[in-house]
Protein backbone atom coordinates (compact mmCIF):
# COMPACT_ATOMS: atom_id res chain seq x y z
CA MET A 1 204.85 63.15 304.13
CA ASP A 2 205.04 60.81 301.17
CA ILE A 3 206.85 61.80 297.98
CA THR A 4 203.68 62.97 296.19
CA GLU A 5 202.71 65.24 299.08
CA THR A 6 206.28 66.51 299.33
CA VAL A 7 206.40 67.36 295.62
CA ASN A 8 203.04 69.14 295.81
CA LYS A 9 204.26 71.27 298.73
CA LEU A 10 207.50 72.03 296.91
CA LYS A 11 205.45 73.20 293.92
CA SER A 12 203.24 75.44 296.04
CA GLY A 13 206.17 76.86 297.98
CA GLU A 14 204.79 75.61 301.31
CA ILE A 15 208.14 73.90 301.92
CA THR A 16 211.56 74.08 300.29
CA SER A 17 214.05 71.42 299.33
CA THR A 18 216.62 73.28 301.43
CA SER A 19 214.46 72.92 304.54
CA LEU A 20 214.03 69.19 303.86
CA VAL A 21 217.78 68.65 303.58
CA GLU A 22 218.67 70.87 306.53
CA THR A 23 216.09 69.10 308.71
CA ALA A 24 217.55 65.72 307.73
CA ILE A 25 221.08 66.92 308.55
CA SER A 26 220.07 68.35 311.94
CA THR A 27 218.19 65.15 312.77
CA PHE A 28 221.30 63.14 311.87
CA GLU A 29 223.57 65.36 314.00
CA GLU A 30 221.17 65.22 316.95
CA ASP A 31 220.93 61.43 316.75
CA LYS A 32 224.71 61.04 316.31
CA ASN A 33 225.23 62.82 319.62
CA SER A 34 222.52 60.90 321.48
CA ALA A 35 223.21 58.31 324.19
CA ILE A 36 222.43 55.41 321.84
CA PRO A 37 222.96 56.53 318.22
CA LEU A 38 220.98 54.82 315.50
CA ASN A 39 224.07 54.76 313.24
CA ALA A 40 221.96 54.62 310.05
CA PHE A 41 223.81 57.37 308.16
CA LEU A 42 227.60 57.25 308.08
CA GLU A 43 227.85 60.78 306.70
CA MET A 44 225.76 63.50 305.11
CA TYR A 45 227.07 64.83 301.80
CA ASP A 46 228.53 68.32 302.07
CA ASP A 47 226.96 69.48 298.79
CA ALA A 48 223.40 68.31 299.57
CA VAL A 49 222.32 71.76 300.80
CA GLU A 50 223.79 73.45 297.70
CA LYS A 51 221.93 71.02 295.41
CA ALA A 52 218.73 71.67 297.36
CA LYS A 53 219.15 75.44 296.96
CA ASN A 54 219.61 74.98 293.21
CA ALA A 55 216.43 72.89 293.10
CA ASP A 56 214.55 75.62 294.96
CA LYS A 57 215.75 78.19 292.42
CA GLU A 58 214.50 76.03 289.55
CA ILE A 59 211.12 75.56 291.23
CA SER A 60 210.79 79.27 292.03
CA ALA A 61 211.64 80.29 288.46
CA ALA A 62 209.16 77.77 287.03
CA ARG A 63 206.46 78.98 289.42
CA GLU A 64 206.94 82.56 288.25
CA SER A 65 206.87 81.58 284.57
CA GLY A 66 203.91 79.22 284.97
CA SER A 67 205.89 76.19 283.83
CA LEU A 68 205.83 74.07 287.01
CA ASP A 69 204.02 71.17 285.36
CA THR A 70 206.55 71.10 282.54
CA LEU A 71 209.46 71.21 284.97
CA PHE A 72 208.13 68.35 287.12
CA SER A 73 207.23 66.26 284.09
CA GLU A 74 210.94 66.40 283.20
CA LYS A 75 212.15 66.15 286.81
CA PRO A 76 209.43 64.33 288.80
CA LEU A 77 211.62 64.04 291.92
CA LEU A 78 213.03 67.58 291.88
CA GLY A 79 214.16 68.62 295.35
CA VAL A 80 213.43 65.23 296.98
CA PRO A 81 216.35 63.98 299.13
CA PHE A 82 217.19 60.28 299.39
CA ALA A 83 219.69 58.04 301.18
CA THR A 84 221.98 55.49 299.59
CA LYS A 85 223.87 52.41 300.73
CA ASP A 86 227.64 52.55 301.14
CA ASN A 87 228.25 50.21 298.17
CA ILE A 88 226.63 52.43 295.51
CA SER A 89 228.94 54.90 293.76
CA VAL A 90 228.24 58.63 294.14
CA ARG A 91 230.77 60.75 292.25
CA GLY A 92 233.30 62.46 294.50
CA LYS A 93 232.00 60.75 297.66
CA ARG A 94 233.52 58.08 299.85
CA LEU A 95 232.60 54.49 299.03
CA THR A 96 233.80 51.91 301.55
CA CYS A 97 231.25 49.06 301.65
CA ALA A 98 231.62 49.42 305.46
CA SER A 99 235.06 47.81 305.14
CA LYS A 100 238.52 48.89 306.26
CA ILE A 101 239.98 47.66 302.98
CA LEU A 102 238.28 50.53 301.09
CA GLU A 103 239.34 53.15 303.62
CA GLY A 104 239.76 56.51 301.88
CA TYR A 105 238.36 55.36 298.53
CA VAL A 106 236.36 58.00 296.63
CA ALA A 107 234.02 57.03 293.79
CA PRO A 108 235.16 58.55 290.46
CA TYR A 109 231.73 58.30 288.81
CA ASN A 110 228.02 57.92 289.57
CA ALA A 111 226.27 54.56 289.53
CA THR A 112 223.60 54.51 286.83
CA VAL A 113 220.82 54.48 289.45
CA ILE A 114 222.29 57.62 291.06
CA GLU A 115 222.75 59.29 287.66
CA ARG A 116 219.10 58.65 286.76
CA LEU A 117 217.73 59.80 290.11
CA GLU A 118 219.74 63.02 289.89
CA LYS A 119 218.49 63.53 286.33
CA ALA A 120 214.96 63.24 287.78
CA GLY A 121 215.89 65.98 290.28
CA ALA A 122 216.43 63.88 293.41
CA ILE A 123 219.22 64.84 295.82
CA PRO A 124 221.67 62.31 297.32
CA LEU A 125 221.57 63.06 301.04
CA GLY A 126 224.29 60.79 302.38
CA ARG A 127 225.62 57.25 302.58
CA CYS A 128 224.25 54.66 304.99
CA ASN A 129 225.74 51.82 307.00
CA GLN A 130 225.61 48.19 305.89
CA ASP A 131 227.11 44.79 306.57
CA GLU A 132 230.66 44.73 305.19
CA PHE A 133 230.51 44.13 301.42
CA ALA A 134 226.76 43.40 301.89
CA MET A 135 227.58 40.11 303.64
CA GLY A 136 225.22 39.71 306.58
CA SER A 137 221.64 39.83 307.80
CA SER A 138 221.88 42.26 310.71
CA THR A 139 224.24 45.17 309.84
CA GLU A 140 226.48 44.09 312.69
CA TYR A 141 229.37 43.18 310.37
CA SER A 142 230.43 46.79 309.73
CA VAL A 143 233.70 48.53 310.44
CA TYR A 144 231.55 51.48 311.63
CA GLY A 145 229.68 49.41 314.22
CA PRO A 146 226.09 48.13 314.07
CA THR A 147 223.00 50.02 312.95
CA ARG A 148 220.25 49.82 315.54
CA ASN A 149 216.56 49.29 314.95
CA PRO A 150 214.60 52.57 315.30
CA ILE A 151 211.63 50.70 316.79
CA ASN A 152 213.77 49.39 319.67
CA ARG A 153 217.47 50.20 319.69
CA GLU A 154 218.37 46.99 321.52
CA TYR A 155 217.50 45.09 318.32
CA VAL A 156 219.16 44.75 314.92
CA SER A 157 217.87 46.65 311.90
CA GLY A 158 218.39 43.68 309.57
CA GLY A 159 220.92 43.44 306.79
CA SER A 160 222.74 43.95 304.76
CA SER A 161 220.84 47.19 303.92
CA GLY A 162 220.15 47.91 307.58
CA GLY A 163 221.41 51.50 307.41
CA PRO A 164 219.11 52.62 304.56
CA ALA A 165 216.15 50.79 306.16
CA ALA A 166 216.73 52.37 309.56
CA ALA A 167 217.13 55.83 307.99
CA VAL A 168 213.75 55.52 306.29
CA ALA A 169 212.02 53.96 309.32
CA ALA A 170 213.39 56.73 311.56
CA LYS A 171 212.11 59.32 309.05
CA GLN A 172 215.61 60.58 308.33
CA ALA A 173 215.00 60.05 304.58
CA LEU A 174 211.93 59.87 302.31
CA PHE A 175 213.30 56.83 300.51
CA ALA A 176 216.57 54.96 300.23
CA LEU A 177 218.49 52.70 297.89
CA GLY A 178 219.75 49.36 299.14
CA THR A 179 221.10 46.27 297.42
CA GLU A 180 220.02 42.65 297.50
CA THR A 181 221.85 39.40 296.90
CA GLY A 182 219.63 37.09 298.96
CA GLY A 183 217.15 39.27 300.86
CA SER A 184 219.17 42.29 301.97
CA VAL A 185 216.43 44.82 301.18
CA ARG A 186 213.34 42.83 302.14
CA LEU A 187 214.73 41.52 305.43
CA PRO A 188 215.60 44.94 306.96
CA ALA A 189 212.31 46.29 305.59
CA SER A 190 210.54 43.58 307.57
CA TYR A 191 212.57 44.19 310.73
CA CYS A 192 212.06 47.97 310.59
CA GLY A 193 208.36 47.97 309.61
CA ILE A 194 208.62 49.59 306.16
CA TYR A 195 208.24 48.57 302.50
CA GLY A 196 211.17 47.10 300.58
CA LEU A 197 211.23 46.04 296.92
CA LYS A 198 213.65 43.65 295.23
CA PRO A 199 212.99 44.17 291.50
CA THR A 200 213.39 41.64 288.70
CA TYR A 201 217.06 40.98 287.99
CA GLY A 202 218.16 43.54 285.40
CA VAL A 203 215.37 46.08 285.90
CA LEU A 204 217.85 48.34 287.70
CA SER A 205 221.39 48.66 286.37
CA ARG A 206 224.24 47.34 288.50
CA TRP A 207 226.79 49.72 286.92
CA GLY A 208 228.59 51.49 289.77
CA VAL A 209 227.41 49.04 292.44
CA VAL A 210 230.20 47.10 294.15
CA ALA A 211 229.67 43.44 293.25
CA TYR A 212 229.07 40.68 295.78
CA GLY A 213 227.40 37.90 293.75
CA SER A 214 227.05 39.21 290.20
CA SER A 215 224.35 36.78 289.03
CA LEU A 216 222.22 37.60 292.09
CA ASP A 217 222.86 41.27 292.98
CA GLN A 218 220.14 43.83 292.43
CA VAL A 219 219.51 47.38 293.62
CA GLY A 220 216.34 47.70 295.70
CA ILE A 221 214.23 50.52 297.16
CA LEU A 222 213.06 51.15 300.75
CA ALA A 223 210.22 53.55 301.57
CA HIS A 224 207.12 54.16 303.69
CA SER A 225 204.67 53.21 300.94
CA PRO A 226 204.53 51.29 297.64
CA ARG A 227 203.85 54.58 295.85
CA ASP A 228 207.09 55.98 297.25
CA ILE A 229 208.88 52.96 295.79
CA ALA A 230 207.13 53.19 292.42
CA LEU A 231 208.15 56.79 291.67
CA PRO A 232 211.93 56.32 292.11
CA LEU A 233 211.70 52.95 290.32
CA SER A 234 210.11 54.63 287.30
CA ALA A 235 213.01 57.11 287.19
CA MET A 236 215.75 54.47 287.47
CA THR A 237 214.47 51.56 285.42
CA GLY A 238 215.53 50.67 281.89
CA ALA A 239 218.34 49.10 279.89
CA ASP A 240 221.79 50.56 280.45
CA PHE A 241 224.67 50.60 277.96
CA TYR A 242 227.11 49.88 280.79
CA ASP A 243 225.27 46.79 282.10
CA ASP A 244 224.61 43.99 279.63
CA THR A 245 222.27 42.27 282.09
CA SER A 246 219.96 45.31 282.35
CA ALA A 247 216.50 45.34 280.79
CA ASP A 248 213.50 47.58 280.19
CA LEU A 249 210.47 47.24 282.45
CA PRO A 250 207.15 46.87 280.59
CA ASN A 251 204.43 49.35 281.63
CA ALA A 252 206.97 51.41 283.60
CA THR A 253 204.91 54.56 283.01
CA ASP A 254 202.15 53.05 285.22
CA LEU A 255 204.54 53.48 288.15
CA GLN A 256 204.36 57.27 287.93
CA ASN A 257 200.80 57.29 289.23
CA LEU A 258 200.49 53.96 291.03
CA MET A 259 196.88 52.89 291.48
CA PRO A 260 195.63 50.33 294.01
CA TYR A 261 194.84 46.85 292.68
CA LYS A 262 191.16 46.12 292.00
CA ALA A 263 190.95 42.64 290.44
CA PHE A 264 191.21 40.61 293.65
CA SER A 265 188.36 38.30 292.63
CA SER A 266 190.52 36.87 289.83
CA LEU A 267 193.79 36.86 291.82
CA LYS A 268 195.30 33.41 292.35
CA ILE A 269 197.79 33.10 295.18
CA ALA A 270 200.32 30.31 295.74
CA ILE A 271 201.52 29.62 299.28
CA PRO A 272 204.63 27.40 299.41
CA LYS A 273 204.12 24.49 301.79
CA GLN A 274 207.86 24.37 302.51
CA PHE A 275 207.74 27.83 304.13
CA ILE A 276 204.54 27.73 306.17
CA GLU A 277 205.53 24.35 307.63
CA SER A 278 209.05 25.51 308.44
CA LYS A 279 210.13 24.54 311.96
CA GLY A 280 212.14 27.74 312.24
CA MET A 281 209.13 30.06 311.85
CA SER A 282 208.08 31.82 315.05
CA GLU A 283 204.51 31.80 316.35
CA ASP A 284 204.26 35.57 315.85
CA VAL A 285 205.25 35.32 312.17
CA SER A 286 202.85 32.40 311.65
CA ARG A 287 199.99 34.38 313.21
CA VAL A 288 200.65 37.51 311.11
CA PHE A 289 200.93 35.41 307.96
CA GLU A 290 197.55 33.78 308.59
CA GLU A 291 195.98 37.22 309.15
CA THR A 292 197.45 38.37 305.83
CA ARG A 293 196.15 35.35 303.99
CA LYS A 294 192.65 35.89 305.44
CA TRP A 295 192.74 39.53 304.30
CA PHE A 296 193.42 38.44 300.73
CA GLU A 297 190.62 35.88 300.88
CA ASN A 298 188.25 38.53 302.26
CA GLN A 299 189.05 40.64 299.19
CA GLY A 300 187.92 37.75 296.99
CA ALA A 301 191.32 36.28 296.11
CA HIS A 302 191.83 32.52 295.86
CA SER A 303 194.79 31.01 297.74
CA GLU A 304 196.21 27.53 297.50
CA ILE A 305 199.03 25.73 299.29
CA VAL A 306 201.54 24.39 296.75
CA ASP A 307 204.26 21.80 297.21
CA LEU A 308 207.65 22.90 295.84
CA PRO A 309 210.25 20.49 297.28
CA ILE A 310 213.04 22.24 295.35
CA LEU A 311 212.65 25.21 297.72
CA ASP A 312 214.28 23.11 300.45
CA ALA A 313 217.50 23.39 298.43
CA SER A 314 217.27 27.13 297.83
CA ILE A 315 219.37 28.36 300.74
CA ALA A 316 222.14 25.79 300.10
CA SER A 317 222.16 26.61 296.39
CA TYR A 318 222.19 30.32 297.16
CA TYR A 319 225.19 30.18 299.48
CA VAL A 320 227.21 27.98 297.11
CA ILE A 321 226.63 30.44 294.24
CA ALA A 322 226.88 33.67 296.24
CA LEU A 323 230.05 32.74 298.12
CA SER A 324 231.76 31.42 294.98
CA GLU A 325 231.01 34.65 293.12
CA ALA A 326 232.03 36.71 296.16
CA ALA A 327 235.43 35.01 296.33
CA SER A 328 235.98 35.86 292.67
CA ASN A 329 234.67 39.43 292.87
CA LEU A 330 236.59 40.35 296.03
CA SER A 331 239.91 39.15 294.63
CA ARG A 332 240.35 42.65 293.13
CA PHE A 333 240.73 44.20 296.60
CA ASP A 334 244.47 43.70 297.01
CA GLY A 335 245.85 46.94 298.44
CA ILE A 336 247.75 47.70 295.25
CA ARG A 337 245.36 49.70 293.09
CA TYR A 338 243.19 51.53 295.66
CA GLY A 339 241.95 51.48 299.24
CA HIS A 340 243.71 50.34 302.43
CA ARG A 341 247.31 49.20 301.98
CA ILE A 342 249.80 47.53 304.34
CA ASP A 343 253.27 47.39 302.79
CA ASN A 344 256.28 46.42 304.91
CA GLY A 345 258.57 46.38 301.89
CA GLN A 346 258.80 42.58 301.78
CA GLY A 347 257.30 42.10 298.33
CA TYR A 348 253.91 41.85 296.72
CA ASP A 349 252.94 38.52 298.32
CA THR A 350 253.37 39.92 301.83
CA LEU A 351 251.60 43.16 300.86
CA TYR A 352 248.66 41.18 299.47
CA ILE A 353 248.38 38.87 302.48
CA ASP A 354 248.75 41.59 305.12
CA THR A 355 246.37 43.99 303.40
CA ARG A 356 243.58 41.44 302.94
CA SER A 357 244.08 39.83 306.37
CA LYS A 358 243.75 43.15 308.19
CA GLY A 359 241.44 44.87 305.71
CA PHE A 360 238.59 42.34 305.67
CA GLY A 361 236.38 41.56 308.66
CA PRO A 362 235.72 38.01 309.95
CA GLU A 363 232.46 37.39 308.06
CA VAL A 364 233.92 38.51 304.72
CA LYS A 365 236.99 36.33 305.31
CA ARG A 366 234.73 33.40 306.13
CA ARG A 367 232.80 33.78 302.89
CA ILE A 368 235.92 34.26 300.76
CA ILE A 369 237.47 31.11 302.23
CA ILE A 370 234.32 29.05 301.68
CA GLY A 371 233.91 30.43 298.16
CA ASN A 372 237.49 29.61 297.22
CA TYR A 373 237.11 26.14 298.74
CA VAL A 374 234.03 25.51 296.58
CA LEU A 375 235.94 26.68 293.51
CA SER A 376 239.17 24.88 294.42
CA GLU A 377 240.99 22.36 292.27
CA GLN A 378 239.71 19.60 294.56
CA PHE A 379 236.16 20.30 293.39
CA SER A 380 237.08 21.61 289.93
CA GLY A 381 234.05 23.88 290.11
CA THR A 382 231.60 20.97 290.20
CA THR A 383 229.90 22.19 293.39
CA TYR A 384 229.31 25.62 291.86
CA LYS A 385 227.96 23.98 288.71
CA LYS A 386 225.61 21.83 290.79
CA GLY A 387 224.43 24.94 292.63
CA MET A 388 223.70 26.58 289.28
CA SER A 389 221.86 23.45 288.15
CA VAL A 390 219.62 23.60 291.23
CA ARG A 391 219.09 27.29 290.55
CA SER A 392 217.98 26.55 286.97
CA ARG A 393 215.46 24.07 288.28
CA ILE A 394 214.15 26.62 290.80
CA GLN A 395 213.74 29.13 287.97
CA ARG A 396 211.87 26.60 285.82
CA GLU A 397 209.54 25.47 288.61
CA ILE A 398 208.76 29.03 289.69
CA ALA A 399 208.09 30.03 286.05
CA THR A 400 205.77 27.03 285.70
CA LEU A 401 204.00 28.00 288.93
CA PHE A 402 203.26 31.45 287.52
CA GLU A 403 201.47 29.88 284.56
CA LYS A 404 198.69 29.04 287.03
CA PHE A 405 199.15 31.63 289.81
CA ASP A 406 199.56 35.42 289.92
CA LEU A 407 201.29 35.85 293.26
CA ILE A 408 203.44 33.96 295.76
CA LEU A 409 202.60 34.85 299.36
CA CYS A 410 204.98 33.96 302.18
CA PRO A 411 206.67 35.47 305.24
CA THR A 412 209.70 37.65 304.63
CA CYS A 413 211.75 35.99 307.36
CA PRO A 414 211.18 33.26 309.96
CA THR A 415 211.35 35.61 312.97
CA PRO A 416 211.04 39.28 313.86
CA ALA A 417 214.23 41.27 314.52
CA PHE A 418 216.52 39.72 317.12
CA LYS A 419 218.65 41.45 319.75
CA LEU A 420 222.06 42.88 318.93
CA GLY A 421 224.75 40.26 319.46
CA GLN A 422 222.29 37.37 319.61
CA LYS A 423 223.43 35.63 316.40
CA ILE A 424 226.71 37.31 315.50
CA ASP A 425 228.79 34.37 316.74
CA ASP A 426 226.56 31.75 315.09
CA PRO A 427 226.98 32.09 311.29
CA LEU A 428 224.61 29.25 310.39
CA GLU A 429 221.83 30.70 312.53
CA MET A 430 222.44 34.09 310.91
CA TYR A 431 222.34 32.57 307.40
CA LEU A 432 218.94 31.01 308.13
CA SER A 433 217.48 34.51 308.46
CA ASP A 434 217.40 34.39 304.62
CA LEU A 435 215.40 31.15 304.55
CA PHE A 436 212.33 32.65 302.83
CA THR A 437 214.03 35.26 300.65
CA THR A 438 216.80 33.56 298.63
CA PHE A 439 214.46 31.74 296.21
CA VAL A 440 213.38 35.14 294.85
CA ASN A 441 216.96 36.07 293.93
CA LEU A 442 217.65 32.63 292.48
CA ALA A 443 214.51 32.82 290.32
CA ARG A 444 215.24 36.48 289.41
CA ILE A 445 211.64 37.50 290.16
CA PRO A 446 210.42 40.68 291.91
CA SER A 447 209.20 40.67 295.51
CA ILE A 448 208.12 43.31 297.99
CA SER A 449 208.09 43.02 301.78
CA VAL A 450 205.11 44.82 303.33
CA PRO A 451 204.68 45.69 307.03
CA ALA A 452 201.94 43.27 308.09
CA GLY A 453 201.82 43.23 311.88
CA TYR A 454 203.75 43.08 315.11
CA ALA A 455 205.22 40.44 317.39
CA ALA A 456 204.23 40.23 321.05
CA ASN A 457 207.32 42.28 321.93
CA GLY A 458 206.27 45.09 319.59
CA MET A 459 208.77 44.40 316.80
CA PRO A 460 207.44 44.61 313.19
CA ILE A 461 206.79 41.59 310.98
CA GLY A 462 206.86 41.67 307.17
CA ILE A 463 205.11 39.49 304.62
CA GLN A 464 206.30 39.32 301.02
CA PHE A 465 204.34 39.44 297.77
CA ALA A 466 206.35 37.89 294.91
CA GLY A 467 205.35 38.04 291.23
CA LYS A 468 206.61 36.69 287.94
CA MET A 469 209.52 38.38 286.16
CA PHE A 470 208.82 42.02 285.17
CA ASP A 471 205.55 42.04 287.16
CA GLU A 472 206.61 44.97 289.36
CA VAL A 473 203.57 47.09 288.49
CA ARG A 474 201.08 44.46 289.67
CA ILE A 475 202.84 43.56 292.95
CA LEU A 476 203.25 47.26 293.77
CA GLN A 477 199.56 47.86 293.02
CA ILE A 478 198.62 44.97 295.31
CA ALA A 479 200.94 46.36 297.98
CA GLN A 480 199.34 49.80 297.55
CA SER A 481 195.91 48.27 298.17
CA TRP A 482 197.33 46.64 301.28
CA GLU A 483 198.85 49.95 302.43
CA GLU A 484 195.59 51.87 302.01
CA ALA A 485 193.68 49.21 303.95
CA HIS A 486 196.20 49.11 306.82
CA ARG A 487 197.55 52.66 306.91
CA GLU A 488 196.28 53.47 310.42
CA GLN A 489 197.64 50.18 311.84
CA GLN A 490 201.12 50.92 310.49
């Protein structure tokens, strides 16, 4: 069921929120004890059933008093359970970022996105696995072990939001929250065959989300349909007192009843030459992309290949910025104030070194070391400044492109999901999984990955629709049209 159908059945009494939560918990327990666990959820919250029972009481009382419509206008997601990534704060629940260094840490407050979803009646179901501190493209860099792909458990689920994506794809949750710094929602959405939205930077508050790269991070949404993304987005969006980078989304009310896009005859689509001519793109991805482009043209849209040489610098610029900001942000994890602590009584220097050396995994250490090297006295920050300069140019050129075009169409990633262990010892190969996604984060524009086809081995392939800043409504409407045209194939 999608969220709309679920809400309608909750209203009628055909199903209960309690049954939804209990089914999710039993599915999780059954999978956890299977021969090859998915490892999408790390834990189910012990108060989820209680919250579901309270939601059922509210619905029952409103049904008896004839005020159901009023209740659901105030709480449009009442009784709907959702999953969340292990780097988003849920009050009173463990928050570890899949890292040993945050072992035993409990969030003292709700992230703004959690607060707003709960205000809309939604129920946090549990926390999901991820790459440690959101650093990775496969959810193999986790202290809890890898999350497997529900389509084929020999393959990765993508990263860093691989746990939330796998939970949704395996139908363990209606929708899930992930986070993105360079493609960490869209990439696992592509690998798992679901929809994943990275909103405009600032549309969703980052308050209560553990920072990786502050100028790039954004909460994203994973679901089975664009409409199931639009409803939670409408509940969470808007400026937040606690996040100075947050912003209101124009026409956000249109998300509450998302309609398919109709004006294809006037739609102008840009296709970056740098991506479709990429040597790293597989034949399967190339084939699916061409089929997607033909579908748009058959709807009456006009597409044009555009030359944006600056995109060749996007992944280098991204990693310079992201790793520099990560080194700065992760300096707070020192074993003194909270989390894992190794203290042999030899002073603060030894405590700091031992705690961080044993608390962080190899990929996080690698990125901290590179980030600190970029920011070191030898460079005096000039490399970071140059990365930001390239980013500014990417933003300008993408903004200029949208003066002529309505949509950027490109693959989500160069290949379908790869096998577990295939790239874990090759960091550069792993980093290139983000080849087509990082420009979106650098330009701060919204983009959605849609399930567009399958590789010869049966693994899903995603294509992304990117729009100008604050154009979430249009790209979700276009994605909804795509979903309605391809529902049976998915």
